[in-house]
Amino acid sequence: MSRRKPPQLAFAPRGEDWSRFRWKPLDRTIAKFESQSLLNLVAAAIDSPECGHRLPSLTLIWSRVASRAPQGALLADPSHLHPLVQAARIAAPQLEHL
């Protein structure tokens, strides 16, 4: 019996493998934040017309925070968006192609 490769997603740009993420950089970045403030910040950024070009990165951050709520005490504010997006791009370099 031979092992089959999982099928590539039809929408995967340039044959990128979307089944693999390096979560550790993103998890380290979000760990210091209070969960609800981070969800609120990322949700506001997703809704903002100025952040539309970052929607894939923001969606990845939001889904990670929603599924693994950080236990930190730091309240998230807009100045934290840039390092969060950078951490998402490290976790999922495939985002470059979106």
C-alpha atoms as a PDB file:
ATOM      1  CA  MET A   1       0.000   0.000   0.000  1.00  0.00           C
ATOM      2  CA  SER A   2       1.569   3.287  -1.052  1.00  0.00           C
ATOM      3  CA  ARG A   3       1.122   6.507   0.853  1.00  0.00           C
ATOM      4  CA  ARG A   4      -0.647   9.208  -1.091  1.00  0.00           C
ATOM      5  CA  LYS A   5       0.128  12.862  -0.806  1.00  0.00           C
ATOM      6  CA  PRO A   6      -2.754  15.000   0.406  1.00  0.00           C
ATOM      7  CA  PRO A   7      -4.400  16.813  -2.484  1.00  0.00           C
ATOM      8  CA  GLN A   8      -3.295  20.381  -3.117  1.00  0.00           C
ATOM      9  CA  LEU A   9      -5.974  22.969  -2.644  1.00  0.00           C
ATOM     10  CA  ALA A  10      -7.215  24.348  -5.936  1.00  0.00           C
ATOM     11  CA  PHE A  11      -6.855  27.945  -4.743  1.00  0.00           C
ATOM     12  CA  ALA A  12      -3.355  27.545  -3.307  1.00  0.00           C
ATOM     13  CA  PRO A  13      -1.226  30.129  -5.092  1.00  0.00           C
ATOM     14  CA  ARG A  14       1.953  28.809  -6.641  1.00  0.00           C
ATOM     15  CA  GLY A  15       1.431  25.400  -5.076  1.00  0.00           C
ATOM     16  CA  GLU A  16       2.008  26.656  -1.530  1.00  0.00           C
ATOM     17  CA  ASP A  17       1.519  24.080   1.207  1.00  0.00           C
ATOM     18  CA  TRP A  18      -1.195  25.514   3.476  1.00  0.00           C
ATOM     19  CA  SER A  19      -1.165  22.517   5.803  1.00  0.00           C
ATOM     20  CA  ARG A  20       1.962  23.695   7.625  1.00  0.00           C
ATOM     21  CA  PHE A  21       2.326  26.687   9.907  1.00  0.00           C
ATOM     22  CA  ARG A  22       5.066  27.623  12.361  1.00  0.00           C
ATOM     23  CA  TRP A  23       2.799  28.680  15.209  1.00  0.00           C
ATOM     24  CA  LYS A  24       5.501  29.342  17.820  1.00  0.00           C
ATOM     25  CA  PRO A  25       6.390  32.928  16.686  1.00  0.00           C
ATOM     26  CA  LEU A  26       2.729  33.956  16.637  1.00  0.00           C
ATOM     27  CA  ASP A  27       1.957  32.194  19.920  1.00  0.00           C
ATOM     28  CA  ARG A  28       4.896  33.956  21.597  1.00  0.00           C
ATOM     29  CA  THR A  29       3.699  37.319  20.311  1.00  0.00           C
ATOM     30  CA  ILE A  30       0.081  36.910  21.431  1.00  0.00           C
ATOM     31  CA  ALA A  31       0.874  35.289  24.802  1.00  0.00           C
ATOM     32  CA  LYS A  32       1.383  38.601  26.627  1.00  0.00           C
ATOM     33  CA  PHE A  33      -2.022  40.034  25.655  1.00  0.00           C
ATOM     34  CA  GLU A  34      -5.360  39.942  27.398  1.00  0.00           C
ATOM     35  CA  SER A  35      -7.540  37.813  25.147  1.00  0.00           C
ATOM     36  CA  GLN A  36     -10.644  39.988  24.738  1.00  0.00           C
ATOM     37  CA  SER A  37      -8.693  43.186  24.071  1.00  0.00           C
ATOM     38  CA  LEU A  38      -6.671  41.403  21.392  1.00  0.00           C
ATOM     39  CA  LEU A  39      -9.789  39.963  19.749  1.00  0.00           C
ATOM     40  CA  ASN A  40     -11.376  43.419  19.774  1.00  0.00           C
ATOM     41  CA  LEU A  41      -8.283  45.041  18.253  1.00  0.00           C
ATOM     42  CA  VAL A  42      -7.941  42.480  15.483  1.00  0.00           C
ATOM     43  CA  ALA A  43     -11.686  42.529  14.739  1.00  0.00           C
ATOM     44  CA  ALA A  44     -11.592  46.333  14.468  1.00  0.00           C
ATOM     45  CA  ALA A  45      -8.609  46.117  12.116  1.00  0.00           C
ATOM     46  CA  ILE A  46     -10.401  43.519   9.984  1.00  0.00           C
ATOM     47  CA  ASP A  47     -13.380  45.873   9.680  1.00  0.00           C
ATOM     48  CA  SER A  48     -11.207  48.859   8.844  1.00  0.00           C
ATOM     49  CA  PRO A  49     -10.971  49.812   5.156  1.00  0.00           C
ATOM     50  CA  GLU A  50      -7.339  50.811   5.741  1.00  0.00           C
ATOM     51  CA  CYS A  51      -6.353  47.259   6.700  1.00  0.00           C
ATOM     52  CA  GLY A  52      -8.007  45.380   3.833  1.00  0.00           C
ATOM     53  CA  HIS A  53      -4.659  44.417   2.342  1.00  0.00           C
ATOM     54  CA  ARG A  54      -3.781  42.689   5.644  1.00  0.00           C
ATOM     55  CA  LEU A  55      -7.006  40.691   5.870  1.00  0.00           C
ATOM     56  CA  PRO A  56      -5.354  37.237   5.455  1.00  0.00           C
ATOM     57  CA  SER A  57      -2.816  37.969   8.216  1.00  0.00           C
ATOM     58  CA  LEU A  58      -5.436  39.489  10.504  1.00  0.00           C
ATOM     59  CA  THR A  59      -7.769  36.542   9.963  1.00  0.00           C
ATOM     60  CA  LEU A  60      -4.973  34.144  10.895  1.00  0.00           C
ATOM     61  CA  ILE A  61      -4.256  36.141  14.073  1.00  0.00           C
ATOM     62  CA  TRP A  62      -7.938  36.356  15.006  1.00  0.00           C
ATOM     63  CA  SER A  63      -8.512  32.631  14.520  1.00  0.00           C
ATOM     64  CA  ARG A  64      -5.433  31.742  16.579  1.00  0.00           C
ATOM     65  CA  VAL A  65      -6.465  34.045  19.428  1.00  0.00           C
ATOM     66  CA  ALA A  66     -10.050  32.737  19.326  1.00  0.00           C
ATOM     67  CA  SER A  67      -8.906  29.109  19.427  1.00  0.00           C
ATOM     68  CA  ARG A  68      -6.055  29.508  21.954  1.00  0.00           C
ATOM     69  CA  ALA A  69      -6.931  32.432  24.177  1.00  0.00           C
ATOM     70  CA  PRO A  70      -3.803  34.087  25.551  1.00  0.00           C
ATOM     71  CA  GLN A  71      -3.619  34.541  29.322  1.00  0.00           C
ATOM     72  CA  GLY A  72      -1.552  37.732  29.431  1.00  0.00           C
ATOM     73  CA  ALA A  73      -2.458  41.039  31.052  1.00  0.00           C
ATOM     74  CA  LEU A  74      -1.359  43.544  28.384  1.00  0.00           C
ATOM     75  CA  LEU A  75      -4.252  45.431  26.818  1.00  0.00           C
ATOM     76  CA  ALA A  76      -3.886  45.476  23.038  1.00  0.00           C
ATOM     77  CA  ASP A  77      -3.893  48.812  21.236  1.00  0.00           C
ATOM     78  CA  PRO A  78      -3.312  49.847  17.604  1.00  0.00           C
ATOM     79  CA  SER A  79       0.444  50.178  18.123  1.00  0.00           C
ATOM     80  CA  HIS A  80       0.562  46.382  18.555  1.00  0.00           C
ATOM     81  CA  LEU A  81      -0.829  45.594  15.095  1.00  0.00           C
ATOM     82  CA  HIS A  82       2.477  45.802  13.224  1.00  0.00           C
ATOM     83  CA  PRO A  83       4.334  43.230  15.385  1.00  0.00           C
ATOM     84  CA  LEU A  84       1.283  40.959  15.298  1.00  0.00           C
ATOM     85  CA  VAL A  85       1.134  41.032  11.500  1.00  0.00           C
ATOM     86  CA  GLN A  86       4.894  40.420  11.322  1.00  0.00           C
ATOM     87  CA  ALA A  87       4.509  37.372  13.589  1.00  0.00           C
ATOM     88  CA  ALA A  88       1.675  36.072  11.398  1.00  0.00           C
ATOM     89  CA  ARG A  89       3.864  36.420   8.291  1.00  0.00           C
ATOM     90  CA  ILE A  90       6.621  34.442  10.031  1.00  0.00           C
ATOM     91  CA  ALA A  91       4.131  31.771  11.123  1.00  0.00           C
ATOM     92  CA  ALA A  92       2.678  31.495   7.618  1.00  0.00           C
ATOM     93  CA  PRO A  93       5.055  32.746   4.916  1.00  0.00           C
ATOM     94  CA  GLN A  94       2.439  31.650   2.384  1.00  0.00           C
ATOM     95  CA  LEU A  95       0.583  34.877   3.205  1.00  0.00           C
ATOM     96  CA  GLU A  96       3.088  36.705   1.007  1.00  0.00           C
ATOM     97  CA  HIS A  97       1.274  35.374  -2.059  1.00  0.00           C
ATOM     98  CA  LEU A  98      -2.163  36.643  -1.078  1.00  0.00           C
END
